[in-house]
Protein backbone atom coordinates (compact mmCIF):
# COMPACT_ATOMS: atom_id res chain seq x y z
CA MET A 1 -54.12 40.53 58.98
CA ALA A 2 -55.36 36.95 59.42
CA ASN A 3 -57.70 37.84 62.32
CA ASP A 4 -59.15 40.85 60.49
CA LEU A 5 -59.80 38.61 57.47
CA LYS A 6 -61.68 36.07 59.62
CA VAL A 7 -63.85 38.79 61.14
CA TYR A 8 -64.58 40.33 57.78
CA ASN A 9 -65.56 36.97 56.28
CA HIS A 10 -67.82 36.17 59.21
CA LEU A 11 -69.66 39.48 59.14
CA ASN A 12 -69.83 40.55 55.50
CA TYR A 13 -69.17 37.69 53.04
CA ASN A 14 -71.92 35.24 53.83
CA ASP A 15 -74.53 36.51 51.36
CA GLY A 16 -72.00 36.71 48.47
CA SER A 17 -73.32 39.92 46.88
CA SER A 18 -71.24 41.62 44.13
CA SER A 19 -70.75 44.88 46.03
CA GLU A 20 -69.51 43.06 49.06
CA LYS A 21 -67.02 41.07 46.96
CA ASP A 22 -65.58 44.33 45.59
CA SER A 23 -65.29 45.60 49.15
CA PHE A 24 -63.40 42.40 50.02
CA VAL A 25 -60.86 43.04 47.29
CA GLU A 26 -60.38 46.60 48.50
CA PHE A 27 -59.98 45.25 52.03
CA LEU A 28 -57.15 42.97 50.84
CA PHE A 29 -55.27 45.84 49.22
CA GLN A 30 -55.58 47.96 52.33
CA HIS A 31 -54.43 45.30 54.78
CA THR A 32 -51.69 43.52 52.73
CA GLU A 33 -48.07 44.53 53.28
CA VAL A 34 -46.10 44.44 50.00
CA ASN A 35 -42.36 45.02 50.24
CA ALA A 36 -41.74 45.56 46.53
CA PRO A 37 -38.58 47.55 45.71
CA ASP A 38 -38.66 50.69 43.61
CA VAL A 39 -37.88 49.97 39.94
CA ASP A 40 -35.55 52.16 37.86
CA GLU A 41 -36.81 51.73 34.29
CA ASN A 42 -33.55 52.86 32.65
CA VAL A 43 -31.45 50.38 34.64
CA ALA A 44 -33.90 47.57 33.85
CA TRP A 45 -33.80 48.38 30.14
CA ASP A 46 -29.97 48.42 30.09
CA LYS A 47 -29.89 45.00 31.78
CA LEU A 48 -32.32 43.60 29.22
CA ASN A 49 -30.22 44.94 26.31
CA GLN A 50 -27.09 43.43 27.85
CA LYS A 51 -28.74 40.03 28.14
CA ILE A 52 -29.90 40.21 24.51
CA HIS A 53 -26.38 41.17 23.36
CA THR A 54 -24.78 38.37 25.40
CA SER A 55 -27.25 35.86 24.00
CA SER A 56 -26.46 37.07 20.47
CA GLN A 57 -22.70 36.64 21.04
CA SER A 58 -23.24 33.15 22.49
CA PHE A 59 -25.34 32.23 19.48
CA SER A 60 -22.55 33.49 17.13
CA TRP A 61 -19.97 31.37 18.92
CA MET A 62 -22.32 28.40 18.75
CA LYS A 63 -22.62 28.87 14.98
CA ILE A 64 -18.82 29.00 14.62
CA ALA A 65 -18.38 25.90 16.78
CA ALA A 66 -21.02 24.07 14.74
CA ALA A 67 -19.27 25.03 11.49
CA VAL A 68 -15.93 23.77 12.82
CA ALA A 69 -17.55 20.50 13.90
CA ILE A 70 -19.12 20.03 10.46
CA LEU A 71 -15.76 20.65 8.75
CA ALA A 72 -14.11 18.12 11.04
CA VAL A 73 -16.74 15.51 10.23
CA LEU A 74 -16.38 16.19 6.50
CA SER A 75 -12.59 15.90 6.73
CA VAL A 76 -12.86 12.55 8.48
CA SER A 77 -15.42 11.39 5.90
CA VAL A 78 -13.16 12.39 3.00
CA TYR A 79 -10.25 10.54 4.62
CA LEU A 80 -12.33 7.43 5.23
CA TYR A 81 -13.77 7.31 1.73
CA ASN A 82 -10.70 8.64 -0.10
CA PRO A 83 -7.61 7.70 1.94
CA THR A 84 -4.13 7.91 0.46
CA PRO A 85 -3.23 4.33 -0.53
CA SER A 86 -0.64 2.74 1.73
CA LEU A 87 2.58 1.57 0.14
CA ILE A 88 3.23 -2.16 0.33
CA GLN A 89 6.82 -3.41 0.28
CA VAL A 90 7.77 -7.04 -0.25
CA ALA A 91 11.33 -8.36 -0.22
CA SER A 92 12.75 -11.84 -0.67
CA LEU A 93 15.89 -13.05 1.03
CA ASP A 94 17.19 -16.49 0.09
CA GLU A 95 13.93 -17.84 -1.28
CA LYS A 96 11.36 -17.05 -3.96
CA VAL A 97 8.29 -15.02 -3.00
CA SER A 98 5.03 -14.86 -4.97
CA VAL A 99 2.95 -11.66 -4.81
CA THR A 100 -0.55 -10.94 -6.11
CA PHE A 101 -0.98 -7.26 -7.01
CA PRO A 102 -4.26 -5.32 -6.44
CA ASP A 103 -5.45 -6.00 -10.02
CA GLY A 104 -4.84 -9.76 -9.81
CA SER A 105 -1.53 -9.68 -11.68
CA VAL A 106 1.20 -11.90 -10.23
CA GLY A 107 4.87 -11.26 -9.61
CA VAL A 108 7.34 -13.94 -8.49
CA LEU A 109 10.46 -12.57 -6.82
CA ASN A 110 13.71 -14.42 -7.14
CA ALA A 111 16.07 -14.36 -4.16
CA ASN A 112 17.31 -10.95 -2.94
CA SER A 113 14.70 -8.95 -4.86
CA SER A 114 11.89 -6.57 -3.90
CA PHE A 115 8.57 -5.00 -4.94
CA SER A 116 7.00 -1.72 -3.83
CA TYR A 117 3.42 -0.88 -4.85
CA PRO A 118 0.24 0.84 -3.54
CA GLU A 119 -2.45 -1.24 -1.83
CA LYS A 120 -4.87 0.06 -4.48
CA PHE A 121 -4.05 1.02 -8.10
CA GLY A 122 -5.27 4.30 -9.63
CA GLU A 123 -5.40 5.30 -13.29
CA GLU A 124 -2.09 3.48 -13.76
CA ARG A 125 -0.80 0.28 -12.20
CA ASN A 126 2.58 1.35 -10.83
CA VAL A 127 5.16 -0.96 -9.25
CA SER A 128 8.78 -0.30 -8.28
CA PHE A 129 11.16 -3.22 -8.51
CA THR A 130 14.77 -4.33 -7.99
CA GLY A 131 16.42 -7.72 -8.52
CA GLU A 132 14.89 -10.46 -10.65
CA ALA A 133 11.25 -11.40 -11.04
CA TYR A 134 8.74 -13.03 -13.33
CA PHE A 135 5.57 -11.04 -14.07
CA ASP A 136 2.23 -12.35 -15.31
CA ILE A 137 0.10 -9.25 -15.95
CA GLN A 138 -3.69 -9.18 -16.20
CA LYS A 139 -5.05 -7.47 -19.31
CA SER A 140 -6.48 -4.00 -18.73
CA THR A 141 -6.92 -0.62 -20.41
CA LYS A 142 -4.80 0.78 -17.58
CA PRO A 143 -1.06 0.42 -18.30
CA PHE A 144 1.03 -1.65 -15.90
CA ILE A 145 4.26 0.32 -15.36
CA ILE A 146 7.32 -1.08 -13.58
CA ASP A 147 9.82 1.52 -12.44
CA VAL A 148 13.36 0.15 -12.47
CA ASN A 149 15.50 3.03 -11.15
CA GLY A 150 14.23 5.55 -13.70
CA VAL A 151 13.62 3.09 -16.54
CA ASP A 152 9.99 2.18 -17.20
CA VAL A 153 8.83 -1.24 -18.38
CA LYS A 154 5.29 -0.70 -19.68
CA VAL A 155 2.70 -3.36 -20.56
CA LEU A 156 -1.07 -3.87 -20.84
CA GLY A 157 -1.25 -7.65 -20.48
CA THR A 158 1.67 -10.03 -20.87
CA ALA A 159 4.21 -12.27 -19.11
CA PHE A 160 7.93 -11.63 -18.91
CA ASN A 161 11.10 -11.99 -16.89
CA LEU A 162 12.96 -8.94 -15.64
CA ILE A 163 16.48 -8.68 -14.21
CA THR A 164 17.98 -5.46 -12.86
CA THR A 165 21.62 -4.79 -12.04
CA GLU A 166 23.59 -1.61 -11.44
CA ASN A 167 24.52 -1.35 -15.13
CA GLU A 168 21.74 -3.13 -17.04
CA VAL A 169 18.10 -4.10 -17.16
CA THR A 170 17.48 -7.42 -18.92
CA LEU A 171 14.03 -8.31 -20.20
CA TYR A 172 12.77 -11.58 -21.64
CA VAL A 173 9.22 -11.59 -23.02
CA ASP A 174 7.44 -14.88 -22.43
CA ARG A 175 4.06 -13.79 -23.83
CA GLY A 176 2.64 -10.61 -25.39
CA LEU A 177 4.45 -7.33 -26.03
CA VAL A 178 6.55 -5.27 -23.61
CA ALA A 179 8.01 -1.78 -24.00
CA PHE A 180 11.16 -0.24 -22.55
CA GLU A 181 10.69 3.50 -22.02
CA LYS A 182 13.23 6.13 -21.02
CA GLU A 183 12.59 9.88 -21.26
CA GLY A 184 9.91 9.42 -23.92
CA THR A 185 11.92 6.99 -26.08
CA GLN A 186 10.22 3.60 -26.34
CA THR A 187 11.47 0.22 -27.59
CA GLN A 188 8.93 -2.58 -28.04
CA VAL A 189 10.01 -6.17 -27.40
CA PRO A 190 7.85 -9.06 -28.74
CA ALA A 191 7.39 -12.55 -27.26
CA GLY A 192 10.41 -14.84 -27.43
CA LYS A 193 12.89 -11.96 -27.54
CA GLU A 194 15.38 -10.65 -25.02
CA ALA A 195 16.27 -6.99 -24.64
CA VAL A 196 19.04 -5.38 -22.61
CA PHE A 197 18.90 -1.75 -21.53
CA ASN A 198 22.32 -0.20 -20.94
CA ARG A 199 22.12 2.45 -18.25
CA ALA A 200 25.35 4.21 -19.27
CA THR A 201 24.33 4.75 -22.90
CA ALA A 202 20.53 4.69 -22.39
CA SER A 203 20.36 2.30 -25.35
CA VAL A 204 18.41 -0.93 -25.86
CA GLU A 205 19.77 -4.04 -27.59
CA VAL A 206 17.19 -6.59 -28.74
CA LYS A 207 18.62 -10.12 -29.05
CA GLU A 208 17.19 -12.54 -31.57
CA ALA A 209 18.37 -15.55 -29.55
CA PRO A 210 17.70 -15.07 -25.82
CA SER A 211 19.94 -16.49 -23.12
CA GLU A 212 19.22 -20.22 -22.96
CA ASN A 213 18.52 -20.45 -19.25
CA ILE A 214 17.05 -17.02 -18.54
CA MET A 215 13.86 -18.61 -17.14
CA SER A 216 15.54 -21.55 -15.39
CA TRP A 217 15.38 -20.03 -11.89
CA ARG A 218 11.58 -20.24 -12.18
CA ASN A 219 10.80 -23.33 -14.32
CA GLY A 220 13.75 -25.57 -13.36
CA ILE A 221 14.69 -26.37 -16.98
CA PHE A 222 18.43 -26.09 -17.70
CA ASN A 223 20.21 -26.56 -21.03
CA PHE A 224 23.97 -26.41 -20.71
CA ASN A 225 25.95 -26.61 -23.93
CA ASN A 226 29.68 -26.46 -23.29
CA THR A 227 28.92 -23.96 -20.53
CA PRO A 228 31.71 -22.90 -18.13
CA LEU A 229 31.21 -24.67 -14.79
CA ASN A 230 31.09 -21.46 -12.72
CA GLU A 231 28.25 -20.09 -14.91
CA ALA A 232 26.32 -23.37 -14.69
CA LEU A 233 26.72 -23.51 -10.91
CA THR A 234 25.47 -19.91 -10.54
CA GLU A 235 22.25 -20.78 -12.37
CA LEU A 236 21.78 -24.04 -10.48
CA SER A 237 22.32 -22.38 -7.11
CA GLU A 238 19.45 -19.91 -7.75
CA TYR A 239 16.95 -22.66 -8.46
CA TYR A 240 18.02 -25.20 -5.82
CA ASP A 241 18.86 -22.58 -3.17
CA VAL A 242 22.31 -23.96 -2.39
CA GLU A 243 25.87 -22.62 -2.37
CA PHE A 244 28.58 -24.35 -4.40
CA GLN A 245 32.17 -24.44 -3.22
CA LEU A 246 35.07 -25.63 -5.43
CA SER A 247 38.11 -27.28 -3.85
CA ASN A 248 40.44 -25.62 -6.39
CA ALA A 249 40.15 -22.76 -8.85
CA ASP A 250 41.10 -24.95 -11.84
CA LEU A 251 37.64 -26.55 -11.72
CA GLN A 252 36.14 -23.28 -12.95
CA GLN A 253 37.61 -24.00 -16.39
CA CYS A 254 35.65 -27.22 -16.72
CA ARG A 255 32.66 -27.10 -19.08
CA VAL A 256 29.25 -28.65 -18.74
CA SER A 257 27.02 -30.14 -21.45
CA ALA A 258 23.81 -31.49 -19.90
CA THR A 259 20.05 -30.96 -19.66
CA PHE A 260 18.07 -30.91 -16.42
CA ASN A 261 14.30 -30.70 -16.17
CA LYS A 262 13.15 -30.12 -12.58
CA GLN A 263 15.24 -33.05 -11.40
CA PRO A 264 16.04 -33.48 -7.69
CA LEU A 265 19.31 -31.88 -6.63
CA SER A 266 20.76 -35.32 -5.81
CA GLU A 267 20.37 -36.37 -9.47
CA VAL A 268 21.95 -33.14 -10.71
CA LEU A 269 24.96 -33.66 -8.44
CA SER A 270 25.29 -37.27 -9.56
CA THR A 271 25.34 -36.16 -13.21
CA LEU A 272 27.94 -33.46 -12.53
CA SER A 273 30.14 -35.96 -10.71
CA SER A 274 29.97 -38.31 -13.69
CA ILE A 275 30.64 -35.87 -16.51
CA LEU A 276 33.26 -33.79 -14.66
CA LYS A 277 34.96 -36.65 -12.82
CA VAL A 278 34.63 -34.94 -9.46
CA LYS A 279 33.17 -35.70 -6.03
CA THR A 280 30.22 -33.79 -4.60
CA SER A 281 28.90 -33.61 -1.04
CA LEU A 282 25.91 -31.73 0.37
CA LYS A 283 25.73 -30.40 3.92
CA ASP A 284 23.66 -27.52 5.35
CA ASN A 285 22.72 -26.15 1.90
CA THR A 286 26.38 -26.13 0.84
CA VAL A 287 27.64 -28.34 -2.02
CA LYS A 288 31.36 -29.01 -2.04
CA ILE A 289 32.95 -30.11 -5.33
CA SER A 290 36.40 -31.62 -5.09
CA GLY A 291 38.86 -33.42 -7.34
CA GLN A 292 41.01 -32.61 -10.36
CA GLY A 293 38.03 -32.67 -12.70
CA CYS A 294 37.66 -32.34 -16.45
């Protein structure tokens, strides 16, 4: 084929006439070997339809996968922007612990007490509590609700002391107005008053004259007026974080009349020794009281 083409070009293609060019094209067709296979039109059409159908299915699966991916992204976005608030738990052992709540309110735990509250408040400011604590609540239109084993203490903005035991919940209102609430029944307690909720009877008693040293564990001011020694020592031990031990049980019958105002423990012990006629010694947070006394 190559030699024939050279001969043809040499003899006939030099003048470049149109008729000769057409003859050249015809010459190519005659002398070119084309090994093209026979084509079955029906088979070719079926293959094309199959490819179109496969492409359509692949596109459908791609749409489903894309939808799933979008849902996953939206779910993550909702979680990131609207996560369930984590629950924060704070417990005190043998010392006082101060906590600032998400709204800026403050709670001071006495020893062996605990708070539980969300890291972010919602429509209500909810806190669970056991033990003894002093609360100073920021004013807000959202109620601040303290759950004390099924009894709610509800406030908007106030300061108060709260003590919980197995049988009672004792509340002293330092400032503002506080409400006890149980199963829809509410008792309001004004500033300067003490209220005691009895769990057995679900009743509230409001006292006109609060316990004299109900705030002593926090402010360090004690007023003892013919107070039994064991009661006085219980209150002093909470504030000074010590344990008192009596050498004999008869000392419990002694009574104390004295006032202490944030005085060092050494001065308190010196006063007790003088008025009770006893000896006191302090070692490793333990105060031993010995002697006949009284």
